Amino acid sequence: MALLGIFSGEWFNQIVLPFALVFTLIFAILEKSKILGEDKHQINSIISLVIAFILITVPQARTVIVQVVPVIAVLAVLVLVFMIMLGFVGGTTKEGALSNPLKIVISIITGIALISAVLWSTGWLNKIIEIGKKPEASTFWQSAIFIVIIVVVLAVALKSSGKKE
């Protein structure tokens, strides 16, 4: 239990984790891009270290990192779950692959299920249901459906205009 206390400390969340994240990301970008040249690991690490220390000393930048990273992590997990669900349904071989319209329908159903699960887990689903029960909600839903129809029509038009016969 004492180990959890270390990870929940403010110094850990506000200093150690942002420092490690920024250092690692900057180092990886410098290594991959080879901006400073080939085999310049020491220079890349020193620059990454300095940038990470600067981040820690600037409270506004550190706050942005601390607030944004959990949102990005949740989005990454949601995208991964969506891709895994599509992989289960879509098949990877030619003989096991589904037809294109069926893939689109299953993708839409999977997306709706994933969005519903997120809304339910965050408590927003109940709020949306309550909004839907209000008398003025019918105009909202009419507008929402109209916008969805416009988006679908535009998507189909753009998709079909790109095909050459």
Protein backbone atom coordinates (compact mmCIF):
# COMPACT_ATOMS: atom_id res chain seq x y z
CA MET A 1 0.00 0.00 0.00
CA ALA A 2 2.91 2.36 0.67
CA LEU A 3 3.92 2.02 -2.97
CA LEU A 4 0.60 3.51 -4.08
CA GLY A 5 1.25 6.48 -1.83
CA ILE A 6 4.40 7.26 -3.78
CA PHE A 7 2.54 7.28 -7.10
CA SER A 8 -0.30 9.43 -5.81
CA GLY A 9 1.97 12.12 -4.43
CA GLU A 10 1.75 15.56 -5.97
CA TRP A 11 5.49 15.73 -6.62
CA PHE A 12 5.28 12.51 -8.63
CA ASN A 13 2.29 13.60 -10.73
CA GLN A 14 3.42 17.20 -11.17
CA ILE A 15 7.17 16.72 -11.62
CA VAL A 16 8.41 13.19 -12.23
CA LEU A 17 5.80 12.02 -14.77
CA PRO A 18 5.77 15.18 -16.93
CA PHE A 19 9.58 15.26 -16.86
CA ALA A 20 9.86 11.62 -17.94
CA LEU A 21 7.22 12.05 -20.64
CA VAL A 22 8.73 15.18 -22.18
CA PHE A 23 12.29 13.85 -21.96
CA THR A 24 11.31 10.60 -23.66
CA LEU A 25 9.23 12.25 -26.39
CA ILE A 26 11.83 14.89 -27.26
CA PHE A 27 14.63 12.30 -27.26
CA ALA A 28 12.60 9.97 -29.50
CA ILE A 29 11.79 12.80 -31.93
CA LEU A 30 15.44 13.89 -32.10
CA GLU A 31 16.63 10.31 -32.60
CA LYS A 32 14.05 9.53 -35.28
CA SER A 33 14.40 12.79 -37.20
CA LYS A 34 18.22 12.88 -36.96
CA ILE A 35 18.07 16.68 -37.01
CA LEU A 36 21.43 16.95 -35.28
CA GLY A 37 23.04 14.19 -37.34
CA GLU A 38 23.71 10.46 -37.17
CA ASP A 39 24.82 8.86 -33.89
CA LYS A 40 24.41 12.02 -31.80
CA HIS A 41 22.81 10.23 -28.86
CA GLN A 42 24.58 12.30 -26.21
CA ILE A 43 23.61 15.62 -27.76
CA ASN A 44 20.03 14.43 -28.24
CA SER A 45 19.83 13.35 -24.61
CA ILE A 46 21.28 16.63 -23.31
CA ILE A 47 18.81 18.69 -25.37
CA SER A 48 15.95 16.48 -24.22
CA LEU A 49 17.09 16.82 -20.62
CA VAL A 50 17.25 20.62 -20.83
CA ILE A 51 13.81 20.88 -22.45
CA ALA A 52 12.32 18.58 -19.81
CA PHE A 53 13.88 20.65 -17.01
CA ILE A 54 12.53 23.84 -18.59
CA LEU A 55 9.07 22.25 -18.67
CA ILE A 56 9.25 21.45 -14.97
CA THR A 57 10.22 25.03 -14.08
CA VAL A 58 7.34 26.61 -16.05
CA PRO A 59 4.10 25.91 -14.13
CA GLN A 60 1.76 26.80 -17.01
CA ALA A 61 3.42 24.36 -19.41
CA ARG A 62 3.53 21.64 -16.77
CA THR A 63 -0.17 22.16 -16.00
CA VAL A 64 -1.07 21.80 -19.66
CA ILE A 65 0.84 18.52 -19.88
CA VAL A 66 -0.70 17.17 -16.67
CA GLN A 67 -4.23 18.04 -17.81
CA VAL A 68 -3.96 16.95 -21.46
CA VAL A 69 -2.13 13.63 -21.12
CA PRO A 70 -5.00 11.74 -19.40
CA VAL A 71 -7.39 12.85 -22.14
CA ILE A 72 -4.97 11.72 -24.84
CA ALA A 73 -4.49 8.39 -23.05
CA VAL A 74 -8.25 7.80 -22.90
CA LEU A 75 -8.60 8.67 -26.59
CA ALA A 76 -5.74 6.33 -27.49
CA VAL A 77 -7.37 3.49 -25.58
CA LEU A 78 -10.72 4.18 -27.30
CA VAL A 79 -9.12 4.19 -30.74
CA LEU A 80 -7.29 0.96 -29.92
CA VAL A 81 -10.52 -0.71 -28.74
CA PHE A 82 -12.31 0.48 -31.88
CA MET A 83 -9.54 -0.91 -34.10
CA ILE A 84 -9.52 -4.23 -32.25
CA MET A 85 -13.30 -4.53 -32.58
CA LEU A 86 -13.08 -3.80 -36.31
CA GLY A 87 -10.27 -6.32 -36.65
CA PHE A 88 -12.44 -9.02 -35.08
CA VAL A 89 -15.24 -8.33 -37.51
CA GLY A 90 -13.41 -7.29 -40.65
CA GLY A 91 -11.17 -10.27 -41.25
CA THR A 92 -7.65 -10.00 -42.60
CA THR A 93 -7.53 -12.54 -45.41
CA LYS A 94 -9.18 -12.35 -48.81
CA GLU A 95 -11.42 -15.36 -48.26
CA GLY A 96 -12.39 -14.22 -44.74
CA ALA A 97 -12.96 -10.58 -45.61
CA LEU A 98 -16.43 -9.11 -45.43
CA SER A 99 -18.06 -7.18 -48.23
CA ASN A 100 -17.51 -3.42 -48.25
CA PRO A 101 -21.11 -2.41 -47.39
CA LEU A 102 -21.17 -4.91 -44.52
CA LYS A 103 -17.86 -3.53 -43.19
CA ILE A 104 -19.30 -0.02 -43.27
CA VAL A 105 -22.47 -1.07 -41.41
CA ILE A 106 -20.49 -2.99 -38.80
CA SER A 107 -18.07 -0.05 -38.43
CA ILE A 108 -20.98 2.32 -37.81
CA ILE A 109 -22.59 -0.04 -35.28
CA THR A 110 -19.23 -0.54 -33.54
CA GLY A 111 -18.66 3.22 -33.42
CA ILE A 112 -22.13 3.83 -31.97
CA ALA A 113 -21.59 1.10 -29.38
CA LEU A 114 -18.22 2.55 -28.39
CA ILE A 115 -19.60 6.10 -28.14
CA SER A 116 -22.53 4.79 -26.08
CA ALA A 117 -20.16 2.95 -23.74
CA VAL A 118 -18.08 6.09 -23.22
CA LEU A 119 -21.19 8.21 -22.60
CA TRP A 120 -22.50 5.63 -20.13
CA SER A 121 -19.19 5.32 -18.25
CA THR A 122 -18.79 9.08 -17.91
CA GLY A 123 -22.38 9.66 -16.82
CA TRP A 124 -23.24 11.77 -19.85
CA LEU A 125 -25.77 9.25 -21.17
CA ASN A 126 -28.20 10.06 -18.35
CA LYS A 127 -27.75 13.78 -18.99
CA ILE A 128 -28.52 13.32 -22.69
CA ILE A 129 -31.60 11.27 -21.86
CA GLU A 130 -32.80 13.99 -19.48
CA ILE A 131 -32.30 16.62 -22.19
CA GLY A 132 -34.26 14.43 -24.58
CA LYS A 133 -37.23 14.32 -22.20
CA LYS A 134 -37.65 18.10 -22.16
CA PRO A 135 -40.44 19.62 -24.28
CA GLU A 136 -38.07 21.73 -26.38
CA ALA A 137 -35.95 18.67 -27.19
CA SER A 138 -37.88 17.81 -30.34
CA THR A 139 -36.43 20.79 -32.20
CA PHE A 140 -32.95 19.84 -31.00
CA TRP A 141 -33.33 16.28 -32.26
CA GLN A 142 -34.80 17.47 -35.56
CA SER A 143 -31.80 19.73 -36.04
CA ALA A 144 -29.36 16.98 -35.05
CA ILE A 145 -30.95 14.47 -37.44
CA PHE A 146 -30.97 17.07 -40.23
CA ILE A 147 -27.25 17.76 -39.72
CA VAL A 148 -26.46 14.03 -39.72
CA ILE A 149 -28.40 13.58 -42.97
CA ILE A 150 -26.51 16.47 -44.57
CA VAL A 151 -23.17 15.02 -43.48
CA VAL A 152 -24.08 11.56 -44.82
CA VAL A 153 -25.26 13.00 -48.15
CA LEU A 154 -22.07 15.06 -48.48
CA ALA A 155 -19.92 12.03 -47.63
CA VAL A 156 -21.70 9.88 -50.22
CA ALA A 157 -21.47 12.65 -52.82
CA LEU A 158 -17.77 13.16 -52.21
CA LYS A 159 -17.11 9.42 -52.23
CA SER A 160 -19.02 8.86 -55.47
CA SER A 161 -17.49 11.88 -57.22
CA GLY A 162 -14.01 10.46 -56.66
CA LYS A 163 -14.78 7.23 -58.56
CA LYS A 164 -13.77 7.05 -62.22
CA GLU A 165 -15.74 4.91 -64.62
